[in-house]
Protein backbone atom coordinates (compact mmCIF):
# COMPACT_ATOMS: atom_id res chain seq x y z
CA MET A 1 -50.24 7.39 -19.79
CA LYS A 2 -51.68 4.70 -17.52
CA ASN A 3 -51.68 2.19 -20.38
CA TYR A 4 -48.01 2.94 -21.01
CA ILE A 5 -47.15 2.38 -17.34
CA TYR A 6 -49.10 -0.91 -17.28
CA PHE A 7 -47.35 -2.02 -20.48
CA LEU A 8 -43.90 -1.17 -19.08
CA ALA A 9 -44.68 -2.96 -15.82
CA ALA A 10 -45.79 -6.05 -17.73
CA ILE A 11 -42.53 -6.07 -19.71
CA LEU A 12 -40.40 -5.70 -16.57
CA LEU A 13 -42.34 -8.44 -14.80
CA SER A 14 -41.98 -10.78 -17.78
CA CYS A 15 -38.23 -10.09 -17.95
CA SER A 16 -37.94 -10.74 -14.24
CA PHE A 17 -39.65 -14.14 -14.49
CA ALA A 18 -37.64 -15.02 -17.59
CA TYR A 19 -34.39 -14.08 -15.88
CA SER A 20 -35.35 -16.01 -12.73
CA SER A 21 -36.18 -19.07 -14.81
CA ASP A 22 -32.94 -18.73 -16.76
CA THR A 23 -30.95 -18.37 -13.55
CA HIS A 24 -32.69 -21.39 -12.10
CA ASP A 25 -31.80 -23.47 -15.18
CA ILE A 26 -28.18 -22.35 -14.98
CA THR A 27 -27.90 -23.33 -11.34
CA LYS A 28 -29.24 -26.76 -12.24
CA GLN A 29 -26.56 -27.21 -14.86
CA ILE A 30 -23.67 -25.57 -12.99
CA ALA A 31 -22.80 -26.14 -9.36
CA LEU A 32 -22.04 -22.63 -8.19
CA PRO A 33 -18.94 -22.40 -5.95
CA HIS A 34 -19.30 -21.51 -2.27
CA HIS A 35 -15.70 -20.68 -1.29
CA ARG A 36 -14.13 -17.40 -2.42
CA VAL A 37 -10.61 -16.12 -1.81
CA TYR A 38 -9.62 -12.64 -2.89
CA VAL A 39 -6.61 -10.33 -2.94
CA GLY A 40 -5.90 -6.87 -4.27
CA PRO A 41 -4.91 -3.25 -3.60
CA ASP A 42 -6.79 -1.06 -1.13
CA ILE A 43 -6.30 2.71 -1.54
CA PHE A 44 -7.89 5.22 0.82
CA PHE A 45 -7.77 8.87 1.85
CA ASP A 46 -7.92 10.03 5.47
CA HIS A 47 -8.93 13.64 6.14
CA MET A 48 -9.43 15.64 9.35
CA SER A 49 -10.16 19.30 9.92
CA VAL A 50 -11.05 20.91 13.24
CA GLN A 51 -11.32 24.48 14.47
CA TYR A 52 -12.18 25.68 17.96
CA HIS A 53 -12.11 28.94 19.88
CA SER A 54 -11.86 29.57 23.61
CA GLY A 55 -11.60 32.75 25.61
CA ASP A 56 -7.88 33.25 25.01
CA SER A 57 -7.01 31.04 22.04
CA ASN A 58 -8.02 30.11 18.52
CA VAL A 59 -6.78 26.87 16.97
CA HIS A 60 -7.25 25.41 13.49
CA ALA A 61 -5.77 22.00 12.69
CA SER A 62 -5.99 19.75 9.65
CA SER A 63 -4.40 16.53 8.47
CA ASN A 64 -4.43 14.62 5.19
CA ALA A 65 -3.11 11.16 4.51
CA VAL A 66 -3.09 8.85 1.48
CA PHE A 67 -2.68 5.12 2.08
CA GLY A 68 -1.96 2.25 -0.26
CA GLY A 69 -1.98 -1.36 0.85
CA LEU A 70 -2.84 -4.98 0.23
CA ARG A 71 -6.11 -6.62 1.29
CA MET A 72 -6.83 -10.33 1.24
CA GLY A 73 -9.55 -12.56 2.63
CA TYR A 74 -11.89 -15.52 2.40
CA ASP A 75 -15.69 -15.94 2.40
CA TYR A 76 -17.83 -19.06 2.69
CA LEU A 77 -21.19 -18.21 1.11
CA LYS A 78 -23.16 -21.42 0.73
CA PRO A 79 -26.89 -20.56 0.58
CA ARG A 80 -29.09 -21.40 3.56
CA THR A 81 -26.27 -22.29 5.91
CA PHE A 82 -23.79 -20.61 8.24
CA TYR A 83 -21.55 -17.86 6.88
CA PHE A 84 -17.85 -17.56 7.67
CA GLY A 85 -15.51 -14.79 6.56
CA THR A 86 -12.06 -13.44 7.39
CA ASP A 87 -10.31 -10.34 6.11
CA GLY A 88 -6.92 -8.65 6.52
CA LEU A 89 -5.27 -5.38 5.46
CA ILE A 90 -1.81 -3.85 5.71
CA ALA A 91 -1.24 -0.35 4.33
CA ILE A 92 1.43 2.37 4.40
CA GLY A 93 0.67 6.05 3.95
CA LYS A 94 2.03 9.55 3.55
CA ALA A 95 0.50 12.03 6.00
CA SER A 96 0.83 15.74 6.67
CA PHE A 97 -0.40 17.69 9.68
CA LYS A 98 -0.82 21.46 9.93
CA ALA A 99 -1.94 23.60 12.86
CA TYR A 100 -2.27 27.34 13.31
CA SER A 101 -2.76 28.65 16.84
CA THR A 102 -3.30 32.18 18.17
CA TYR A 103 -3.19 33.12 21.86
CA TRP A 104 -4.26 36.42 23.43
CA TRP A 105 -2.94 37.99 26.62
CA GLU A 106 -4.66 40.34 29.05
CA ASP A 107 -3.07 43.44 27.52
CA ASN A 108 -4.50 42.52 24.06
CA ASN A 109 -1.17 41.24 22.84
CA SER A 110 -1.25 38.01 20.82
CA TYR A 111 1.12 35.23 19.91
CA SER A 112 0.73 32.98 16.84
CA MET A 113 2.32 29.63 16.19
CA ARG A 114 2.35 27.39 13.12
CA THR A 115 3.06 23.67 13.28
CA LYS A 116 3.82 21.36 10.36
CA ASN A 117 4.61 17.69 10.52
CA LYS A 118 4.96 14.85 8.02
CA THR A 119 4.79 11.15 8.83
CA SER A 120 4.70 7.74 7.14
CA PRO A 121 2.02 5.87 9.10
CA LEU A 122 1.30 2.15 9.12
CA PHE A 123 -2.34 0.97 9.16
CA THR A 124 -3.37 -2.67 9.69
CA ASN A 125 -6.66 -4.45 10.31
CA ILE A 126 -7.83 -8.06 10.86
CA GLU A 127 -11.49 -9.06 11.05
CA GLN A 128 -13.37 -12.32 11.64
CA ARG A 129 -17.10 -12.64 10.78
CA TYR A 130 -19.81 -15.24 11.47
CA GLY A 131 -23.39 -15.22 10.23
CA TYR A 132 -26.02 -16.94 8.12
CA THR A 133 -26.64 -16.80 4.35
CA PHE A 134 -30.27 -16.32 3.35
CA GLN A 135 -31.16 -16.82 -0.31
CA SER A 136 -34.20 -15.54 -2.19
CA PRO A 137 -36.57 -18.28 -3.42
CA ILE A 138 -37.02 -16.33 -6.69
CA SER A 139 -33.46 -15.53 -7.73
CA ALA A 140 -30.54 -17.88 -7.14
CA LYS A 141 -28.23 -14.88 -6.87
CA SER A 142 -30.06 -12.71 -4.37
CA THR A 143 -28.61 -13.23 -0.90
CA LEU A 144 -28.75 -11.53 2.47
CA VAL A 145 -26.05 -12.22 5.09
CA PRO A 146 -26.47 -10.82 8.61
CA PHE A 147 -23.26 -11.25 10.58
CA ALA A 148 -21.42 -10.51 13.80
CA GLY A 149 -17.70 -10.58 14.39
CA ILE A 150 -14.62 -9.22 16.05
CA GLY A 151 -11.63 -7.30 14.70
CA TRP A 152 -8.39 -5.56 15.61
CA TYR A 153 -6.71 -2.37 14.41
CA TYR A 154 -3.05 -1.40 14.78
CA THR A 155 -1.53 1.91 13.69
CA LYS A 156 2.00 3.29 13.88
CA SER A 157 3.15 6.79 13.03
CA LYS A 158 6.75 8.01 13.11
CA SER A 159 7.93 11.62 12.75
CA ASP A 160 10.82 13.85 13.76
CA THR A 161 9.29 14.43 17.19
CA GLY A 162 8.67 10.78 18.08
CA THR A 163 6.66 7.63 17.47
CA SER A 164 3.00 6.96 18.19
CA LEU A 165 1.51 3.46 18.36
CA ALA A 166 -2.16 2.60 18.88
CA ASN A 167 -4.18 -0.61 18.85
CA TRP A 168 -7.73 -1.56 19.76
CA PHE A 169 -10.25 -4.39 19.44
CA TYR A 170 -13.79 -3.94 18.19
CA GLY A 171 -17.03 -5.86 17.95
CA ALA A 172 -18.91 -5.71 14.65
CA ALA A 173 -22.43 -6.41 13.39
CA GLY A 174 -23.92 -5.78 9.97
CA LEU A 175 -25.41 -6.92 6.68
CA ARG A 176 -23.89 -8.07 3.40
CA ILE A 177 -26.35 -8.02 0.47
CA PHE A 178 -25.66 -9.42 -3.02
CA GLN A 179 -27.95 -9.07 -6.05
CA GLN A 180 -27.27 -10.42 -9.55
CA PHE A 181 -28.52 -8.10 -12.30
CA CYS A 182 -27.21 -10.06 -15.27
CA LYS A 183 -25.32 -13.32 -15.74
CA ASN A 184 -21.88 -11.81 -15.13
CA PHE A 185 -22.54 -8.75 -12.98
CA ASP A 186 -23.45 -8.44 -9.27
CA VAL A 187 -24.15 -5.41 -7.11
CA GLY A 188 -23.74 -5.59 -3.36
CA PHE A 189 -24.30 -3.42 -0.32
CA ASN A 190 -22.31 -3.84 2.90
CA LEU A 191 -23.21 -2.09 6.13
CA LYS A 192 -21.24 -2.59 9.35
CA ALA A 193 -21.43 -1.04 12.81
CA MET A 194 -18.39 -1.26 15.11
CA TYR A 195 -17.77 -0.71 18.81
CA ALA A 196 -14.10 -0.21 19.75
CA PHE A 197 -12.83 -1.24 23.18
CA THR A 198 -9.63 -1.93 25.15
CA GLY A 199 -7.72 0.59 23.06
CA LYS A 200 -4.20 1.65 24.05
CA GLN A 201 -1.85 4.33 22.77
CA HIS A 202 1.90 4.68 23.29
CA VAL A 203 3.73 7.90 22.43
CA ARG A 204 7.53 7.81 22.46
CA THR A 205 9.53 11.04 22.38
CA TRP A 206 13.08 12.07 23.20
CA ASN A 207 12.18 12.63 26.87
CA GLY A 208 10.24 9.43 27.55
CA THR A 209 7.19 7.29 26.81
CA CYS A 210 3.58 8.15 27.53
CA LYS A 211 0.95 5.41 27.73
CA GLU A 212 -2.78 6.04 27.87
CA ARG A 213 -6.07 4.24 27.29
CA ILE A 214 -8.14 5.07 24.21
CA ARG A 215 -11.80 5.66 25.01
CA ASP A 216 -14.46 3.27 23.73
CA VAL A 217 -16.18 4.62 20.61
CA TRP A 218 -18.73 3.68 17.95
CA GLY A 219 -17.89 3.53 14.25
CA TYR A 220 -19.32 2.28 10.97
CA GLU A 221 -18.48 1.30 7.40
CA VAL A 222 -20.60 1.49 4.22
CA ALA A 223 -19.42 -0.19 1.01
CA LEU A 224 -20.81 -0.84 -2.49
CA PRO A 225 -19.06 -3.86 -4.08
CA LEU A 226 -19.48 -4.23 -7.86
CA THR A 227 -18.46 -7.66 -9.15
CA TRP A 228 -17.77 -8.81 -12.71
CA HIS A 229 -17.58 -12.59 -13.27
CA VAL A 230 -15.16 -13.66 -15.98
CA GLU A 231 -16.95 -16.87 -16.95
CA ALA A 232 -20.31 -18.63 -16.52
CA SER A 233 -18.89 -20.98 -13.88
CA LYS A 234 -18.16 -17.88 -11.77
CA LYS A 235 -14.73 -19.10 -10.68
CA TRP A 236 -12.85 -15.90 -11.52
CA ASP A 237 -14.07 -12.38 -10.80
CA ALA A 238 -12.95 -8.76 -10.46
CA GLN A 239 -14.51 -6.58 -7.78
CA PHE A 240 -14.48 -2.81 -7.40
CA GLU A 241 -15.61 -1.68 -3.93
CA PRO A 242 -15.81 2.02 -2.97
CA TYR A 243 -16.38 2.58 0.75
CA LEU A 244 -16.72 5.09 3.57
CA LEU A 245 -15.16 4.23 6.94
CA LYS A 246 -15.75 6.14 10.16
CA LEU A 247 -13.71 4.81 13.08
CA ASP A 248 -15.21 7.27 15.57
CA VAL A 249 -18.64 8.86 14.97
CA SER A 250 -17.82 11.69 17.38
CA ASP A 251 -14.61 12.59 15.52
CA ARG A 252 -14.30 14.66 12.34
CA THR A 253 -11.91 12.21 10.73
CA GLN A 254 -13.33 10.12 7.91
CA ILE A 255 -11.80 7.64 5.49
CA LEU A 256 -12.82 7.36 1.83
CA GLY A 257 -11.37 4.51 -0.20
CA ALA A 258 -11.73 1.89 -2.88
CA ARG A 259 -10.70 -1.76 -3.18
CA LEU A 260 -9.89 -3.51 -6.44
CA LEU A 261 -9.95 -7.22 -5.70
CA ALA A 262 -9.32 -10.29 -7.83
CA GLY A 263 -11.33 -13.27 -6.61
CA TYR A 264 -11.29 -17.02 -7.18
CA SER A 265 -14.20 -19.24 -6.17
CA PHE A 266 -14.25 -23.01 -5.78
C-alpha cells in the first residue's frame, strides 16, 4: 500500500512540474492580458423566515424574492503590481411577504391576523476595490489578491400600502484567489467581509413619510468563480460564479445566487 502511495505521489509531482514548465513556456510565447471587462446576467434568491413568541402574542413571518439583473465590471490583474477593480449590478425582482399573528387577551380570548403582500423590488450595487496581485513563482496562473474597497447599495420596494427606499455605504476587505488547473480552465475563491454604515430608510404611505437611520451591521460574501477560456490567448472567457451573500450577519435573511459572465481580456 505504501509503495502505491509513493508511486501515485511521484506521478502527481511529475505532472505538476511538467504542467508548471508547460505553463511557463506558454507565458514566454504569449503575453497574457491584464485587463478584463465582463458583463452578464445575475440571478439570485432572497429568503427570510422568522418566528417569535412573547407573553401575549405569537408571530411567524416569511418572505421570498427572486431577482434577475445585469452585472458588469472591470479588473486589472497584472501580476506583482497593484490591483484595481470595479463592479456594478442592477436587478429587479418579484417578492412575496406572508405573516401570521396571534394575540391573546386576559380572558383567554385570542385574535388572529394574516397578512400577505407582493412587491416588485429594485436592487442595485456599486463597488470599487483596490489591492495587490501576488503570483506564485511555480505556476503562472496561481494568484492571490488581497483587497480593500468601498461600495453602495440602493433598494426600492413598492406595494399597495406604500413605497420603501433604503441605501447605505459599506467598507469591504477580502481575498480573491485564482488557480489554473488546465490550459483553459480556472477555479477561483472569493471571500469578502463588509461593514455597512450611514444607512437610511424612507417609507412612504398614504398618511405621510417616515425616515429613519439603518443601524451599522457586518456582512459577508463567499463566491466560487469557474472560468472557461475560449482560446489559448485567453482573450475570451465564460465564467459561472455561484455565491452566498449575507448583508447582515444578525439577520435571518440570506441571498443565494449565480452569475454567468462573458469576459474579454486585453
